[in-house]
Amino acid sequence: MALSWILTVLSLLPLLEAQIPLCANLVPVPITNATLDRISGKWFYIASAFRNEEHNKSIHEIQATFFYFTPNKTEDTIFLREYQTRQNQCIYNTSYLNVQRENGTISRYEGGQEHFVHLLILRDMKTFMLAFEVNDEKNWGVSVYADKPETTEEQLGEFYEALDCLRIPRSDVVYTDQKKDKCEPLERQHEKEKKQEEGERQHEKEKKQEEGES
């Protein structure tokens, strides 16, 4: 299954419009500017589990993934830069996600269809979850993300609680391993290029200011 962004299984997901099961930490809340500020920046895909065996099998292909969220509060979009390692190769993708504030969802167009997932903000400020296929009991799934590649059992507590509530065995959890990451060199290259571009823009700005003063 091809992965074009961090949610891993969006290409297989139907339109989500039903309610999440009544689990304490699976109830979606509206997305606010504060929410977007909180998820802005660099994140690591830590683990996920699905009741659907095909989905569980597919996520085994992912060795490591990290990504950057850059929200646009005015347009209600998120610019995504994703670095994923599979089969010992780095795959880099960029795309725009749409934000549905009142529904607490984010979405992406793929294959002519808009796919939705619920954004779940956790007690731990350094983690968040995404809930998949919430209208289909046979295919429920949850993924967890953190601001560092290594997480503690305490940080994963709400993720495990969600799995228990969805009746997904903890033995079905598939974890990534950042030690297998092959994208760090590309990320460094991108950061270097970004700094060079910023330096060039600053130089042009100062040059124009000098010309205006002369």
Protein backbone atom coordinates (compact mmCIF):
# COMPACT_ATOMS: atom_id res chain seq x y z
CA MET A 1 0.00 0.00 0.00
CA ALA A 2 1.50 3.26 -1.09
CA LEU A 3 2.04 5.88 1.57
CA SER A 4 1.99 9.50 0.56
CA TRP A 5 1.81 10.99 4.02
CA ILE A 6 2.19 10.15 7.69
CA LEU A 7 -1.23 8.69 8.25
CA THR A 8 -0.02 5.63 6.39
CA VAL A 9 -3.38 4.19 5.41
CA LEU A 10 -5.36 7.10 4.02
CA SER A 11 -5.54 5.60 0.55
CA LEU A 12 -7.61 2.75 1.99
CA LEU A 13 -9.92 4.82 4.15
CA PRO A 14 -13.54 5.65 3.25
CA LEU A 15 -15.14 9.00 4.06
CA LEU A 16 -15.47 9.32 7.82
CA GLU A 17 -18.57 11.02 9.14
CA ALA A 18 -19.80 8.83 11.99
CA GLN A 19 -19.14 9.21 15.69
CA ILE A 20 -16.13 7.84 17.50
CA PRO A 21 -17.01 5.16 20.10
CA LEU A 22 -17.75 6.53 23.54
CA CYS A 23 -14.27 6.18 24.96
CA ALA A 24 -13.02 8.88 27.28
CA ASN A 25 -9.90 9.71 25.26
CA LEU A 26 -11.46 9.11 21.84
CA VAL A 27 -14.04 11.88 21.92
CA PRO A 28 -13.07 14.51 19.31
CA VAL A 29 -13.04 18.16 20.27
CA PRO A 30 -13.03 21.22 18.00
CA ILE A 31 -9.68 22.30 16.60
CA THR A 32 -8.67 25.81 17.67
CA ASN A 33 -5.74 28.08 16.91
CA ALA A 34 -4.17 26.80 20.12
CA THR A 35 -4.53 23.24 18.81
CA LEU A 36 -2.79 24.19 15.57
CA ASP A 37 0.00 25.89 17.51
CA ARG A 38 0.41 22.75 19.59
CA ILE A 39 0.81 20.39 16.63
CA SER A 40 3.08 22.74 14.69
CA GLY A 41 6.65 21.53 14.19
CA LYS A 42 8.46 18.22 13.96
CA TRP A 43 6.84 14.92 14.93
CA PHE A 44 7.69 11.23 14.85
CA TYR A 45 5.30 8.43 13.95
CA ILE A 46 5.64 6.03 16.90
CA ALA A 47 3.12 3.22 16.54
CA SER A 48 -0.30 2.19 15.31
CA ALA A 49 -2.73 -0.70 15.39
CA PHE A 50 -5.84 -1.59 13.40
CA ARG A 51 -8.58 -4.15 13.67
CA ASN A 52 -8.24 -4.65 9.93
CA GLU A 53 -5.60 -7.32 9.27
CA GLU A 54 -4.71 -5.89 5.85
CA HIS A 55 -3.97 -2.50 7.38
CA ASN A 56 -1.90 -4.07 10.13
CA LYS A 57 0.09 -6.04 7.57
CA SER A 58 0.74 -2.94 5.46
CA ILE A 59 2.11 -0.80 8.28
CA HIS A 60 4.82 -3.39 8.90
CA GLU A 61 6.52 -2.00 5.79
CA ILE A 62 7.23 1.30 7.53
CA GLN A 63 10.54 1.35 9.34
CA ALA A 64 10.60 4.99 10.47
CA THR A 65 8.77 8.24 9.76
CA PHE A 66 9.13 11.82 10.88
CA PHE A 67 7.38 14.88 9.53
CA TYR A 68 6.78 18.61 9.89
CA PHE A 69 3.38 20.27 10.35
CA THR A 70 3.12 23.94 9.31
CA PRO A 71 -0.45 25.13 9.95
CA ASN A 72 -2.06 28.07 8.16
CA LYS A 73 -4.70 29.37 10.57
CA THR A 74 -6.28 31.70 8.03
CA GLU A 75 -6.83 29.08 5.34
CA ASP A 76 -7.35 26.15 7.75
CA THR A 77 -4.70 24.04 6.09
CA ILE A 78 -1.55 22.26 7.23
CA PHE A 79 1.53 22.01 5.03
CA LEU A 80 3.05 18.57 5.54
CA ARG A 81 6.66 17.60 4.89
CA GLU A 82 7.16 13.89 5.47
CA TYR A 83 10.32 11.79 5.61
CA GLN A 84 9.57 8.07 5.56
CA THR A 85 11.89 5.07 5.53
CA ARG A 86 10.73 1.80 4.02
CA GLN A 87 12.79 -1.01 2.55
CA ASN A 88 15.85 0.89 3.77
CA GLN A 89 15.08 3.79 1.43
CA CYS A 90 14.06 7.36 2.19
CA ILE A 91 10.82 8.60 0.65
CA TYR A 92 10.12 12.33 0.85
CA ASN A 93 6.67 13.82 0.25
CA THR A 94 4.93 17.14 0.69
CA SER A 95 1.21 17.86 0.65
CA TYR A 96 -1.50 20.08 2.10
CA LEU A 97 -4.03 18.83 4.65
CA ASN A 98 -7.41 20.45 5.26
CA VAL A 99 -8.62 21.26 8.75
CA GLN A 100 -12.27 20.84 9.77
CA ARG A 101 -12.24 22.79 13.03
CA GLU A 102 -15.72 21.99 14.36
CA ASN A 103 -15.47 18.26 13.59
CA GLY A 104 -12.00 17.91 15.05
CA THR A 105 -10.75 16.29 11.84
CA ILE A 106 -8.04 16.75 9.26
CA SER A 107 -8.27 15.45 5.71
CA ARG A 108 -6.46 14.99 2.45
CA TYR A 109 -7.59 14.54 -1.13
CA GLU A 110 -6.26 11.38 -2.72
CA GLY A 111 -7.51 9.34 -5.62
CA GLY A 112 -10.31 11.82 -6.22
CA GLN A 113 -11.68 11.36 -2.70
CA GLU A 114 -11.29 13.27 0.54
CA HIS A 115 -10.17 11.08 3.43
CA PHE A 116 -10.75 12.14 7.03
CA VAL A 117 -9.15 11.25 10.37
CA HIS A 118 -9.89 12.53 13.85
CA LEU A 119 -7.16 14.49 15.61
CA LEU A 120 -7.01 13.54 19.29
CA ILE A 121 -5.10 15.83 21.63
CA LEU A 122 -3.71 14.03 24.67
CA ARG A 123 -2.87 15.03 28.21
CA ASP A 124 0.82 14.78 27.38
CA MET A 125 1.67 17.93 25.42
CA LYS A 126 4.37 16.06 23.52
CA THR A 127 2.07 13.50 21.91
CA PHE A 128 -1.12 13.27 19.88
CA MET A 129 -3.19 10.52 18.23
CA LEU A 130 -5.17 10.03 15.05
CA ALA A 131 -8.25 7.82 14.92
CA PHE A 132 -9.12 5.98 11.70
CA GLU A 133 -12.32 4.50 10.28
CA VAL A 134 -14.37 5.51 13.28
CA ASN A 135 -17.60 4.53 11.51
CA ASP A 136 -16.49 0.98 10.84
CA GLU A 137 -16.08 -1.23 13.90
CA LYS A 138 -14.30 -3.94 11.93
CA ASN A 139 -11.62 -1.51 10.78
CA TRP A 140 -11.04 0.80 13.75
CA GLY A 141 -7.48 2.00 14.12
CA VAL A 142 -5.35 4.43 16.11
CA SER A 143 -1.87 5.91 15.56
CA VAL A 144 0.26 7.81 18.04
CA TYR A 145 2.88 10.50 17.39
CA ALA A 146 5.46 12.20 19.59
CA ASP A 147 7.95 15.06 19.41
CA LYS A 148 10.84 12.63 19.99
CA PRO A 149 11.54 9.20 18.48
CA GLU A 150 11.70 7.56 21.91
CA THR A 151 8.63 7.47 24.16
CA THR A 152 7.95 6.29 27.69
CA GLU A 153 5.31 3.83 28.80
CA GLU A 154 3.60 6.74 30.53
CA GLN A 155 3.44 8.72 27.29
CA LEU A 156 1.88 5.74 25.51
CA GLY A 157 -0.67 5.20 28.27
CA GLU A 158 -3.55 6.95 26.51
CA PHE A 159 -2.72 5.13 23.28
CA TYR A 160 -3.01 1.80 25.06
CA GLU A 161 -6.23 2.93 26.74
CA ALA A 162 -7.66 3.75 23.32
CA LEU A 163 -6.71 0.31 22.01
CA ASP A 164 -8.39 -1.36 24.98
CA CYS A 165 -11.54 0.68 24.41
CA LEU A 166 -11.58 -0.25 20.71
CA ARG A 167 -10.92 -3.89 21.59
CA ILE A 168 -7.69 -3.96 19.60
CA PRO A 169 -5.15 -6.34 21.18
CA ARG A 170 -1.98 -4.61 22.30
CA SER A 171 -0.12 -7.46 20.62
CA ASP A 172 -1.29 -5.98 17.29
CA VAL A 173 0.64 -2.75 17.83
CA VAL A 174 3.29 -2.10 15.17
CA TYR A 175 6.14 0.15 16.32
CA THR A 176 8.60 2.11 14.21
CA ASP A 177 12.34 2.15 14.87
CA GLN A 178 14.04 5.50 14.32
CA LYS A 179 17.41 3.72 14.35
CA LYS A 180 16.46 2.44 10.89
CA ASP A 181 15.86 5.95 9.58
CA LYS A 182 17.51 6.73 6.22
CA CYS A 183 16.14 10.25 5.82
CA GLU A 184 18.31 12.26 8.19
CA PRO A 185 20.88 13.15 5.46
CA LEU A 186 18.09 14.46 3.22
CA GLU A 187 16.62 16.46 6.09
CA ARG A 188 20.02 18.04 6.76
CA GLN A 189 20.32 18.90 3.07
CA HIS A 190 16.89 20.52 3.09
CA GLU A 191 17.73 22.52 6.21
CA LYS A 192 20.97 23.71 4.63
CA GLU A 193 19.16 24.78 1.48
CA LYS A 194 16.53 26.56 3.55
CA LYS A 195 19.16 28.54 5.45
CA GLN A 196 20.88 29.47 2.20
CA GLU A 197 17.60 30.73 0.74
CA GLU A 198 16.86 32.72 3.88
CA GLY A 199 20.34 34.21 3.75
CA GLU A 200 19.91 35.19 0.11
CA ARG A 201 16.55 36.82 0.83
CA GLN A 202 18.02 38.74 3.75
CA HIS A 203 20.93 39.87 1.56
CA GLU A 204 18.54 41.10 -1.14
CA LYS A 205 16.47 42.92 1.47
CA GLU A 206 19.53 44.69 2.90
CA LYS A 207 20.74 45.53 -0.60
CA LYS A 208 17.42 47.17 -1.48
CA GLN A 209 17.47 49.12 1.78
CA GLU A 210 20.97 50.42 1.02
CA GLU A 211 19.92 51.40 -2.50
CA GLY A 212 16.91 53.24 -1.12
CA GLU A 213 19.05 55.18 1.34
CA SER A 214 21.62 56.19 -1.27
